[in-house]
Amino acid sequence: MTELQNSEILEFAKYFSPISHTKGRLRVRVSPKIKELKSNIDESKIHSRIKNIKGIKELKTNLLVGSITIFYDHEVFPMRLWNDFLNGQNTDELREYLNLKAKEIV
């Protein structure tokens, strides 16, 4: 599995806006503009990759309203890192954390 780069994190983050975020559950709206990346994205690989990150319990997509809900273990994946992702901040720390957790396949 190839490691994430800061540019990839920032590229994805700009397409998401928070709907609600409580400890262990994040729901985001996905901009329709993400379709611009469609040629570069294999949706099933992304879904699989996210679900295989240690700390991700469940991933639900709602194509009708364009949202994604992520249920996560807040002890493994701190709420602060999700907020950093959505705000495009601390990408070095986030990238390192995601790459480490992606290697710890559950």
PDB file of N, CA and C in Angstrom:
ATOM      1  N   MET A   1       0.847  -1.175   0.000  1.00  0.00           N
ATOM      2  CA  MET A   1       0.000   0.000   0.000  1.00  0.00           C
ATOM      3  C   MET A   1       0.894   1.240   0.000  1.00  0.00           C
ATOM      4  N   THR A   2       0.616   2.172  -0.927  1.00  0.00           N
ATOM      5  CA  THR A   2       1.415   3.386  -0.984  1.00  0.00           C
ATOM      6  C   THR A   2       1.000   4.337   0.131  1.00  0.00           C
ATOM      7  N   GLU A   3       1.969   5.099   0.580  1.00  0.00           N
ATOM      8  CA  GLU A   3       1.701   6.020   1.683  1.00  0.00           C
ATOM      9  C   GLU A   3       1.048   7.296   1.174  1.00  0.00           C
ATOM     10  N   LEU A   4       0.220   7.871   2.020  1.00  0.00           N
ATOM     11  CA  LEU A   4      -0.428   9.142   1.713  1.00  0.00           C
ATOM     12  C   LEU A   4       0.583  10.274   1.747  1.00  0.00           C
ATOM     13  N   GLN A   5       0.342  11.267   0.927  1.00  0.00           N
ATOM     14  CA  GLN A   5       1.162  12.472   0.902  1.00  0.00           C
ATOM     15  C   GLN A   5       0.308  13.641   1.401  1.00  0.00           C
ATOM     16  N   ASN A   6       0.964  14.699   1.876  1.00  0.00           N
ATOM     17  CA  ASN A   6       0.235  15.881   2.351  1.00  0.00           C
ATOM     18  C   ASN A   6      -0.693  16.432   1.275  1.00  0.00           C
ATOM     19  N   SER A   7      -0.219  16.457   0.041  1.00  0.00           N
ATOM     20  CA  SER A   7      -1.029  17.013  -1.047  1.00  0.00           C
ATOM     21  C   SER A   7      -2.318  16.222  -1.244  1.00  0.00           C
ATOM     22  N   GLU A   8      -2.268  14.903  -1.041  1.00  0.00           N
ATOM     23  CA  GLU A   8      -3.472  14.078  -1.176  1.00  0.00           C
ATOM     24  C   GLU A   8      -4.472  14.400  -0.072  1.00  0.00           C
ATOM     25  N   ILE A   9      -3.984  14.598   1.139  1.00  0.00           N
ATOM     26  CA  ILE A   9      -4.860  14.932   2.265  1.00  0.00           C
ATOM     27  C   ILE A   9      -5.550  16.267   2.004  1.00  0.00           C
ATOM     28  N   LEU A  10      -4.782  17.256   1.582  1.00  0.00           N
ATOM     29  CA  LEU A  10      -5.353  18.572   1.303  1.00  0.00           C
ATOM     30  C   LEU A  10      -6.322  18.520   0.129  1.00  0.00           C
ATOM     31  N   GLU A  11      -6.003  17.707  -0.868  1.00  0.00           N
ATOM     32  CA  GLU A  11      -6.871  17.568  -2.039  1.00  0.00           C
ATOM     33  C   GLU A  11      -8.237  17.016  -1.645  1.00  0.00           C
ATOM     34  N   PHE A  12      -8.258  15.984  -0.810  1.00  0.00           N
ATOM     35  CA  PHE A  12      -9.523  15.397  -0.366  1.00  0.00           C
ATOM     36  C   PHE A  12     -10.264  16.314   0.601  1.00  0.00           C
ATOM     37  N   ALA A  13      -9.555  16.945   1.503  1.00  0.00           N
ATOM     38  CA  ALA A  13     -10.187  17.758   2.549  1.00  0.00           C
ATOM     39  C   ALA A  13     -11.055  18.865   1.976  1.00  0.00           C
ATOM     40  N   LYS A  14     -10.660  19.425   0.859  1.00  0.00           N
ATOM     41  CA  LYS A  14     -11.423  20.553   0.320  1.00  0.00           C
ATOM     42  C   LYS A  14     -12.804  20.154  -0.188  1.00  0.00           C
ATOM     43  N   TYR A  15     -13.055  18.868  -0.336  1.00  0.00           N
ATOM     44  CA  TYR A  15     -14.353  18.398  -0.813  1.00  0.00           C
ATOM     45  C   TYR A  15     -15.307  18.015   0.317  1.00  0.00           C
ATOM     46  N   PHE A  16     -14.871  18.123   1.558  1.00  0.00           N
ATOM     47  CA  PHE A  16     -15.695  17.719   2.696  1.00  0.00           C
ATOM     48  C   PHE A  16     -15.995  18.903   3.605  1.00  0.00           C
ATOM     49  N   SER A  17     -17.222  18.948   4.087  1.00  0.00           N
ATOM     50  CA  SER A  17     -17.580  19.941   5.101  1.00  0.00           C
ATOM     51  C   SER A  17     -18.352  19.221   6.202  1.00  0.00           C
ATOM     52  N   PRO A  18     -18.055  19.561   7.444  1.00  0.00           N
ATOM     53  CA  PRO A  18     -18.688  18.841   8.555  1.00  0.00           C
ATOM     54  C   PRO A  18     -20.187  19.132   8.655  1.00  0.00           C
ATOM     55  N   ILE A  19     -20.934  18.079   8.912  1.00  0.00           N
ATOM     56  CA  ILE A  19     -22.362  18.207   9.210  1.00  0.00           C
ATOM     57  C   ILE A  19     -22.529  18.094  10.718  1.00  0.00           C
ATOM     58  N   SER A  20     -21.943  17.048  11.277  1.00  0.00           N
ATOM     59  CA  SER A  20     -21.950  16.875  12.733  1.00  0.00           C
ATOM     60  C   SER A  20     -20.732  16.057  13.132  1.00  0.00           C
ATOM     61  N   HIS A  21     -20.247  16.339  14.327  1.00  0.00           N
ATOM     62  CA  HIS A  21     -19.078  15.619  14.818  1.00  0.00           C
ATOM     63  C   HIS A  21     -19.186  15.484  16.326  1.00  0.00           C
ATOM     64  N   THR A  22     -19.377  14.266  16.749  1.00  0.00           N
ATOM     65  CA  THR A  22     -19.352  13.944  18.165  1.00  0.00           C
ATOM     66  C   THR A  22     -18.280  12.890  18.350  1.00  0.00           C
ATOM     67  N   LYS A  23     -17.837  12.717  19.560  1.00  0.00           N
ATOM     68  CA  LYS A  23     -16.764  11.768  19.827  1.00  0.00           C
ATOM     69  C   LYS A  23     -17.153  10.386  19.292  1.00  0.00           C
ATOM     70  N   GLY A  24     -16.373   9.892  18.329  1.00  0.00           N
ATOM     71  CA  GLY A  24     -16.614   8.572  17.768  1.00  0.00           C
ATOM     72  C   GLY A  24     -17.473   8.535  16.518  1.00  0.00           C
ATOM     73  N   ARG A  25     -18.020   9.699  16.116  1.00  0.00           N
ATOM     74  CA  ARG A  25     -18.884   9.725  14.930  1.00  0.00           C
ATOM     75  C   ARG A  25     -18.709  11.051  14.199  1.00  0.00           C
ATOM     76  N   LEU A  26     -18.364  10.954  12.929  1.00  0.00           N
ATOM     77  CA  LEU A  26     -18.191  12.136  12.090  1.00  0.00           C
ATOM     78  C   LEU A  26     -19.054  11.977  10.847  1.00  0.00           C
ATOM     79  N   ARG A  27     -19.864  12.987  10.576  1.00  0.00           N
ATOM     80  CA  ARG A  27     -20.661  12.984   9.354  1.00  0.00           C
ATOM     81  C   ARG A  27     -20.267  14.216   8.563  1.00  0.00           C
ATOM     82  N   VAL A  28     -19.924  14.000   7.285  1.00  0.00           N
ATOM     83  CA  VAL A  28     -19.497  15.098   6.424  1.00  0.00           C
ATOM     84  C   VAL A  28     -20.312  15.120   5.139  1.00  0.00           C
ATOM     85  N   ARG A  29     -20.501  16.315   4.630  1.00  0.00           N
ATOM     86  CA  ARG A  29     -21.112  16.501   3.321  1.00  0.00           C
ATOM     87  C   ARG A  29     -19.983  16.415   2.302  1.00  0.00           C
ATOM     88  N   VAL A  30     -20.257  15.720   1.214  1.00  0.00           N
ATOM     89  CA  VAL A  30     -19.277  15.586   0.142  1.00  0.00           C
ATOM     90  C   VAL A  30     -19.718  16.486  -1.008  1.00  0.00           C
ATOM     91  N   SER A  31     -18.843  17.389  -1.395  1.00  0.00           N
ATOM     92  CA  SER A  31     -19.157  18.305  -2.486  1.00  0.00           C
ATOM     93  C   SER A  31     -19.304  17.533  -3.795  1.00  0.00           C
ATOM     94  N   PRO A  32     -20.294  17.892  -4.605  1.00  0.00           N
ATOM     95  CA  PRO A  32     -20.437  17.253  -5.916  1.00  0.00           C
ATOM     96  C   PRO A  32     -19.210  17.467  -6.802  1.00  0.00           C
ATOM     97  N   LYS A  33     -18.418  18.478  -6.476  1.00  0.00           N
ATOM     98  CA  LYS A  33     -17.215  18.757  -7.259  1.00  0.00           C
ATOM     99  C   LYS A  33     -16.169  17.655  -7.146  1.00  0.00           C
ATOM    100  N   ILE A  34     -16.355  16.744  -6.192  1.00  0.00           N
ATOM    101  CA  ILE A  34     -15.398  15.644  -6.052  1.00  0.00           C
ATOM    102  C   ILE A  34     -15.388  14.787  -7.315  1.00  0.00           C
ATOM    103  N   LYS A  35     -16.447  14.892  -8.098  1.00  0.00           N
ATOM    104  CA  LYS A  35     -16.510  14.145  -9.359  1.00  0.00           C
ATOM    105  C   LYS A  35     -15.394  14.568 -10.310  1.00  0.00           C
ATOM    106  N   GLU A  36     -14.849  15.764 -10.096  1.00  0.00           N
ATOM    107  CA  GLU A  36     -13.719  16.225 -10.903  1.00  0.00           C
ATOM    108  C   GLU A  36     -12.516  15.308 -10.723  1.00  0.00           C
ATOM    109  N   LEU A  37     -12.419  14.678  -9.552  1.00  0.00           N
ATOM    110  CA  LEU A  37     -11.316  13.760  -9.265  1.00  0.00           C
ATOM    111  C   LEU A  37     -11.627  12.342  -9.710  1.00  0.00           C
ATOM    112  N   LYS A  38     -12.850  12.101 -10.109  1.00  0.00           N
ATOM    113  CA  LYS A  38     -13.327  10.744 -10.384  1.00  0.00           C
ATOM    114  C   LYS A  38     -12.357   9.946 -11.251  1.00  0.00           C
ATOM    115  N   SER A  39     -11.776  10.556 -12.254  1.00  0.00           N
ATOM    116  CA  SER A  39     -10.875   9.815 -13.131  1.00  0.00           C
ATOM    117  C   SER A  39      -9.619   9.354 -12.399  1.00  0.00           C
ATOM    118  N   ASN A  40      -9.271  10.039 -11.322  1.00  0.00           N
ATOM    119  CA  ASN A  40      -8.072   9.693 -10.562  1.00  0.00           C
ATOM    120  C   ASN A  40      -8.363   8.823  -9.348  1.00  0.00           C
ATOM    121  N   ILE A  41      -9.648   8.564  -9.068  1.00  0.00           N
ATOM    122  CA  ILE A  41     -10.026   7.876  -7.842  1.00  0.00           C
ATOM    123  C   ILE A  41     -10.712   6.556  -8.152  1.00  0.00           C
ATOM    124  N   ASP A  42     -10.268   5.523  -7.486  1.00  0.00           N
ATOM    125  CA  ASP A  42     -10.968   4.243  -7.517  1.00  0.00           C
ATOM    126  C   ASP A  42     -11.769   4.183  -6.224  1.00  0.00           C
ATOM    127  N   GLU A  43     -13.071   4.421  -6.342  1.00  0.00           N
ATOM    128  CA  GLU A  43     -13.941   4.547  -5.170  1.00  0.00           C
ATOM    129  C   GLU A  43     -13.869   3.334  -4.247  1.00  0.00           C
ATOM    130  N   SER A  44     -13.849   2.143  -4.818  1.00  0.00           N
ATOM    131  CA  SER A  44     -13.816   0.929  -3.987  1.00  0.00           C
ATOM    132  C   SER A  44     -12.494   0.813  -3.237  1.00  0.00           C
ATOM    133  N   LYS A  45     -11.397   1.237  -3.857  1.00  0.00           N
ATOM    134  CA  LYS A  45     -10.097   1.189  -3.178  1.00  0.00           C
ATOM    135  C   LYS A  45     -10.049   2.189  -2.027  1.00  0.00           C
ATOM    136  N   ILE A  46     -10.597   3.374  -2.253  1.00  0.00           N
ATOM    137  CA  ILE A  46     -10.629   4.391  -1.200  1.00  0.00           C
ATOM    138  C   ILE A  46     -11.460   3.880  -0.026  1.00  0.00           C
ATOM    139  N   HIS A  47     -12.647   3.361  -0.315  1.00  0.00           N
ATOM    140  CA  HIS A  47     -13.546   2.844   0.723  1.00  0.00           C
ATOM    141  C   HIS A  47     -12.850   1.741   1.507  1.00  0.00           C
ATOM    142  N   SER A  48     -12.219   0.819   0.801  1.00  0.00           N
ATOM    143  CA  SER A  48     -11.516  -0.297   1.437  1.00  0.00           C
ATOM    144  C   SER A  48     -10.346   0.202   2.277  1.00  0.00           C
ATOM    145  N   ARG A  49      -9.609   1.145   1.743  1.00  0.00           N
ATOM    146  CA  ARG A  49      -8.441   1.676   2.452  1.00  0.00           C
ATOM    147  C   ARG A  49      -8.854   2.358   3.757  1.00  0.00           C
ATOM    148  N   ILE A  50      -9.915   3.141   3.697  1.00  0.00           N
ATOM    149  CA  ILE A  50     -10.389   3.832   4.898  1.00  0.00           C
ATOM    150  C   ILE A  50     -10.860   2.827   5.940  1.00  0.00           C
ATOM    151  N   LYS A  51     -11.639   1.835   5.510  1.00  0.00           N
ATOM    152  CA  LYS A  51     -12.172   0.845   6.446  1.00  0.00           C
ATOM    153  C   LYS A  51     -11.068   0.009   7.089  1.00  0.00           C
ATOM    154  N   ASN A  52      -9.925  -0.105   6.437  1.00  0.00           N
ATOM    155  CA  ASN A  52      -8.829  -0.909   6.967  1.00  0.00           C
ATOM    156  C   ASN A  52      -7.892  -0.143   7.890  1.00  0.00           C
ATOM    157  N   ILE A  53      -8.159   1.109   8.125  1.00  0.00           N
ATOM    158  CA  ILE A  53      -7.338   1.883   9.053  1.00  0.00           C
ATOM    159  C   ILE A  53      -7.759   1.535  10.471  1.00  0.00           C
ATOM    160  N   LYS A  54      -6.778   1.180  11.283  1.00  0.00           N
ATOM    161  CA  LYS A  54      -7.073   0.845  12.677  1.00  0.00           C
ATOM    162  C   LYS A  54      -7.750   2.041  13.339  1.00  0.00           C
ATOM    163  N   GLY A  55      -8.865   1.778  13.974  1.00  0.00           N
ATOM    164  CA  GLY A  55      -9.610   2.837  14.636  1.00  0.00           C
ATOM    165  C   GLY A  55     -10.886   3.211  13.906  1.00  0.00           C
ATOM    166  N   ILE A  56     -11.005   2.826  12.641  1.00  0.00           N
ATOM    167  CA  ILE A  56     -12.236   3.056  11.889  1.00  0.00           C
ATOM    168  C   ILE A  56     -13.133   1.851  12.113  1.00  0.00           C
ATOM    169  N   LYS A  57     -14.287   2.084  12.704  1.00  0.00           N
ATOM    170  CA  LYS A  57     -15.208   0.989  13.005  1.00  0.00           C
ATOM    171  C   LYS A  57     -16.163   0.715  11.851  1.00  0.00           C
ATOM    172  N   GLU A  58     -16.669   1.773  11.255  1.00  0.00           N
ATOM    173  CA  GLU A  58     -17.668   1.619  10.201  1.00  0.00           C
ATOM    174  C   GLU A  58     -17.672   2.860   9.326  1.00  0.00           C
ATOM    175  N   LEU A  59     -17.990   2.658   8.071  1.00  0.00           N
ATOM    176  CA  LEU A  59     -18.055   3.749   7.106  1.00  0.00           C
ATOM    177  C   LEU A  59     -19.361   3.603   6.337  1.00  0.00           C
ATOM    178  N   LYS A  60     -20.196   4.645   6.384  1.00  0.00           N
ATOM    179  CA  LYS A  60     -21.474   4.612   5.672  1.00  0.00           C
ATOM    180  C   LYS A  60     -21.512   5.768   4.681  1.00  0.00           C
ATOM    181  N   THR A  61     -21.946   5.468   3.483  1.00  0.00           N
ATOM    182  CA  THR A  61     -22.110   6.519   2.488  1.00  0.00           C
ATOM    183  C   THR A  61     -23.587   6.642   2.143  1.00  0.00           C
ATOM    184  N   ASN A  62     -24.017   7.863   1.926  1.00  0.00           N
ATOM    185  CA  ASN A  62     -25.379   8.133   1.497  1.00  0.00           C
ATOM    186  C   ASN A  62     -25.272   8.927   0.201  1.00  0.00           C
ATOM    187  N   LEU A  63     -25.362   8.218  -0.909  1.00  0.00           N
ATOM    188  CA  LEU A  63     -25.202   8.859  -2.206  1.00  0.00           C
ATOM    189  C   LEU A  63     -26.335   9.825  -2.520  1.00  0.00           C
ATOM    190  N   LEU A  64     -27.517   9.549  -1.995  1.00  0.00           N
ATOM    191  CA  LEU A  64     -28.674  10.393  -2.267  1.00  0.00           C
ATOM    192  C   LEU A  64     -28.469  11.822  -1.764  1.00  0.00           C
ATOM    193  N   VAL A  65     -27.948  11.955  -0.555  1.00  0.00           N
ATOM    194  CA  VAL A  65     -27.723  13.293   0.005  1.00  0.00           C
ATOM    195  C   VAL A  65     -26.261  13.729  -0.065  1.00  0.00           C
ATOM    196  N   GLY A  66     -25.388  12.838  -0.501  1.00  0.00           N
ATOM    197  CA  GLY A  66     -23.978  13.187  -0.641  1.00  0.00           C
ATOM    198  C   GLY A  66     -23.258  13.346   0.678  1.00  0.00           C
ATOM    199  N   SER A  67     -23.397  12.329   1.533  1.00  0.00           N
ATOM    200  CA  SER A  67     -22.711  12.407   2.823  1.00  0.00           C
ATOM    201  C   SER A  67     -22.004  11.093   3.141  1.00  0.00           C
ATOM    202  N   ILE A  68     -21.045  11.204   4.026  1.00  0.00           N
ATOM    203  CA  ILE A  68     -20.310  10.047   4.535  1.00  0.00           C
ATOM    204  C   ILE A  68     -20.344  10.142   6.054  1.00  0.00           C
ATOM    205  N   THR A  69     -20.633   9.022   6.702  1.00  0.00           N
ATOM    206  CA  THR A  69     -20.579   8.955   8.158  1.00  0.00           C
ATOM    207  C   THR A  69     -19.504   7.955   8.536  1.00  0.00           C
ATOM    208  N   ILE A  70     -18.589   8.393   9.375  1.00  0.00           N
ATOM    209  CA  ILE A  70     -17.487   7.548   9.832  1.00  0.00           C
ATOM    210  C   ILE A  70     -17.644   7.341  11.333  1.00  0.00           C
ATOM    211  N   PHE A  71     -17.724   6.080  11.719  1.00  0.00           N
ATOM    212  CA  PHE A  71     -17.738   5.727  13.136  1.00  0.00           C
ATOM    213  C   PHE A  71     -16.324   5.281  13.470  1.00  0.00           C
ATOM    214  N   TYR A  72     -15.745   5.873  14.497  1.00  0.00           N
ATOM    215  CA  TYR A  72     -14.353   5.588  14.811  1.00  0.00           C
ATOM    216  C   TYR A  72     -14.148   5.449  16.310  1.00  0.00           C
ATOM    217  N   ASP A  73     -13.053   4.786  16.653  1.00  0.00           N
ATOM    218  CA  ASP A  73     -12.658   4.633  18.053  1.00  0.00           C
ATOM    219  C   ASP A  73     -11.888   5.887  18.444  1.00  0.00           C
ATOM    220  N   HIS A  74     -12.489   6.721  19.279  1.00  0.00           N
ATOM    221  CA  HIS A  74     -11.858   7.993  19.643  1.00  0.00           C
ATOM    222  C   HIS A  74     -10.604   7.797  20.488  1.00  0.00           C
ATOM    223  N   GLU A  75     -10.429   6.612  21.058  1.00  0.00           N
ATOM    224  CA  GLU A  75      -9.200   6.324  21.813  1.00  0.00           C
ATOM    225  C   GLU A  75      -8.031   6.087  20.853  1.00  0.00           C
ATOM    226  N   VAL A  76      -8.336   5.555  19.686  1.00  0.00           N
ATOM    227  CA  VAL A  76      -7.309   5.259  18.683  1.00  0.00           C
ATOM    228  C   VAL A  76      -7.119   6.441  17.740  1.00  0.00           C
ATOM    229  N   PHE A  77      -8.199   7.088  17.388  1.00  0.00           N
ATOM    230  CA  PHE A  77      -8.188   8.147  16.392  1.00  0.00           C
ATOM    231  C   PHE A  77      -8.790   9.412  17.011  1.00  0.00           C
ATOM    232  N   PRO A  78      -7.969  10.257  17.621  1.00  0.00           N
ATOM    233  CA  PRO A  78      -8.471  11.427  18.342  1.00  0.00           C
ATOM    234  C   PRO A  78      -9.326  12.361  17.471  1.00  0.00           C
ATOM    235  N   MET A  79     -10.345  12.904  18.080  1.00  0.00           N
ATOM    236  CA  MET A  79     -11.267  13.827  17.419  1.00  0.00           C
ATOM    237  C   MET A  79     -10.521  15.010  16.792  1.00  0.00           C
ATOM    238  N   ARG A  80      -9.481  15.453  17.460  1.00  0.00           N
ATOM    239  CA  ARG A  80      -8.684  16.595  16.988  1.00  0.00           C
ATOM    240  C   ARG A  80      -8.119  16.352  15.585  1.00  0.00           C
ATOM    241  N   LEU A  81      -7.699  15.110  15.300  1.00  0.00           N
ATOM    242  CA  LEU A  81      -7.133  14.823  13.981  1.00  0.00           C
ATOM    243  C   LEU A  81      -8.182  14.937  12.877  1.00  0.00           C
ATOM    244  N   TRP A  82      -9.415  14.540  13.185  1.00  0.00           N
ATOM    245  CA  TRP A  82     -10.494  14.700  12.198  1.00  0.00           C
ATOM    246  C   TRP A  82     -10.723  16.180  11.922  1.00  0.00           C
ATOM    247  N   ASN A  83     -10.742  16.978  12.974  1.00  0.00           N
ATOM    248  CA  ASN A  83     -10.943  18.415  12.805  1.00  0.00           C
ATOM    249  C   ASN A  83      -9.800  19.032  12.009  1.00  0.00           C
ATOM    250  N   ASP A  84      -8.575  18.571  12.269  1.00  0.00           N
ATOM    251  CA  ASP A  84      -7.423  19.051  11.500  1.00  0.00           C
ATOM    252  C   ASP A  84      -7.598  18.722  10.018  1.00  0.00           C
ATOM    253  N   PHE A  85      -8.056  17.505   9.725  1.00  0.00           N
ATOM    254  CA  PHE A  85      -8.282  17.093   8.334  1.00  0.00           C
ATOM    255  C   PHE A  85      -9.284  18.030   7.664  1.00  0.00           C
ATOM    256  N   LEU A  86     -10.407  18.248   8.313  1.00  0.00           N
ATOM    257  CA  LEU A  86     -11.459  19.076   7.728  1.00  0.00           C
ATOM    258  C   LEU A  86     -11.025  20.526   7.553  1.00  0.00           C
ATOM    259  N   ASN A  87     -10.085  20.974   8.380  1.00  0.00           N
ATOM    260  CA  ASN A  87      -9.585  22.350   8.292  1.00  0.00           C
ATOM    261  C   ASN A  87      -8.285  22.464   7.504  1.00  0.00           C
ATOM    262  N   GLY A  88      -7.770  21.337   7.005  1.00  0.00           N
ATOM    263  CA  GLY A  88      -6.524  21.357   6.243  1.00  0.00           C
ATOM    264  C   GLY A  88      -5.325  21.779   7.067  1.00  0.00           C
ATOM    265  N   GLN A  89      -5.328  21.434   8.361  1.00  0.00           N
ATOM    266  CA  GLN A  89      -4.248  21.828   9.266  1.00  0.00           C
ATOM    267  C   GLN A  89      -3.444  20.610   9.707  1.00  0.00           C
ATOM    268  N   ASN A  90      -2.217  20.866  10.141  1.00  0.00           N
ATOM    269  CA  ASN A  90      -1.335  19.826  10.689  1.00  0.00           C
ATOM    270  C   ASN A  90      -1.258  18.597   9.787  1.00  0.00           C
ATOM    271  N   THR A  91      -1.120  18.834   8.490  1.00  0.00           N
ATOM    272  CA  THR A  91      -1.142  17.712   7.554  1.00  0.00           C
ATOM    273  C   THR A  91       0.040  16.766   7.731  1.00  0.00           C
ATOM    274  N   ASP A  92       1.188  17.275   8.185  1.00  0.00           N
ATOM    275  CA  ASP A  92       2.328  16.381   8.426  1.00  0.00           C
ATOM    276  C   ASP A  92       1.980  15.360   9.500  1.00  0.00           C
ATOM    277  N   GLU A  93       1.439  15.843  10.611  1.00  0.00           N
ATOM    278  CA  GLU A  93       1.074  14.953  11.710  1.00  0.00           C
ATOM    279  C   GLU A  93      -0.030  13.984  11.277  1.00  0.00           C
ATOM    280  N   LEU A  94      -1.012  14.501  10.578  1.00  0.00           N
ATOM    281  CA  LEU A  94      -2.125  13.671  10.120  1.00  0.00           C
ATOM    282  C   LEU A  94      -1.647  12.603   9.139  1.00  0.00           C
ATOM    283  N   ARG A  95      -0.802  12.984   8.197  1.00  0.00           N
ATOM    284  CA  ARG A  95      -0.270  12.032   7.214  1.00  0.00           C
ATOM    285  C   ARG A  95       0.492  10.913   7.908  1.00  0.00           C
ATOM    286  N   GLU A  96       1.376  11.280   8.839  1.00  0.00           N
ATOM    287  CA  GLU A  96       2.150  10.267   9.565  1.00  0.00           C
ATOM    288  C   GLU A  96       1.230   9.335  10.347  1.00  0.00           C
ATOM    289  N   TYR A  97       0.232   9.897  10.989  1.00  0.00           N
ATOM    290  CA  TYR A  97      -0.698   9.105  11.789  1.00  0.00           C
ATOM    291  C   TYR A  97      -1.490   8.147  10.904  1.00  0.00           C
ATOM    292  N   LEU A  98      -2.028   8.657   9.796  1.00  0.00           N
ATOM    293  CA  LEU A  98      -2.803   7.812   8.886  1.00  0.00           C
ATOM    294  C   LEU A  98      -1.957   6.705   8.280  1.00  0.00           C
ATOM    295  N   ASN A  99      -0.751   7.037   7.873  1.00  0.00           N
ATOM    296  CA  ASN A  99       0.119   6.018   7.290  1.00  0.00           C
ATOM    297  C   ASN A  99       0.487   4.954   8.313  1.00  0.00           C
ATOM    298  N   LEU A 100       0.702   5.356   9.557  1.00  0.00           N
ATOM    299  CA  LEU A 100       0.998   4.397  10.618  1.00  0.00           C
ATOM    300  C   LEU A 100      -0.208   3.499  10.868  1.00  0.00           C
ATOM    301  N   LYS A 101      -1.394   4.087  11.010  1.00  0.00           N
ATOM    302  CA  LYS A 101      -2.604   3.313  11.295  1.00  0.00           C
ATOM    303  C   LYS A 101      -2.994   2.423  10.122  1.00  0.00           C
ATOM    304  N   ALA A 102      -2.723   2.873   8.902  1.00  0.00           N
ATOM    305  CA  ALA A 102      -3.042   2.056   7.730  1.00  0.00           C
ATOM    306  C   ALA A 102      -2.198   0.787   7.704  1.00  0.00           C
ATOM    307  N   LYS A 103      -1.024   0.842   8.308  1.00  0.00           N
ATOM    308  CA  LYS A 103      -0.154  -0.337   8.362  1.00  0.00           C
ATOM    309  C   LYS A 103      -0.595  -1.302   9.448  1.00  0.00           C
ATOM    310  N   GLU A 104      -1.349  -0.804  10.416  1.00  0.00           N
ATOM    311  CA  GLU A 104      -1.838  -1.630  11.522  1.00  0.00           C
ATOM    312  C   GLU A 104      -3.217  -2.171  11.166  1.00  0.00           C
ATOM    313  N   ILE A 105      -3.283  -2.944  10.114  1.00  0.00           N
ATOM    314  CA  ILE A 105      -4.563  -3.477   9.643  1.00  0.00           C
ATOM    315  C   ILE A 105      -5.219  -4.289  10.745  1.00  0.00           C
ATOM    316  N   VAL A 106      -6.503  -3.999  10.975  1.00  0.00           N
ATOM    317  CA  VAL A 106      -7.257  -4.702  12.016  1.00  0.00           C
ATOM    318  C   VAL A 106      -7.717  -6.055  11.524  1.00  0.00           C
TER     319      VAL A 106
END
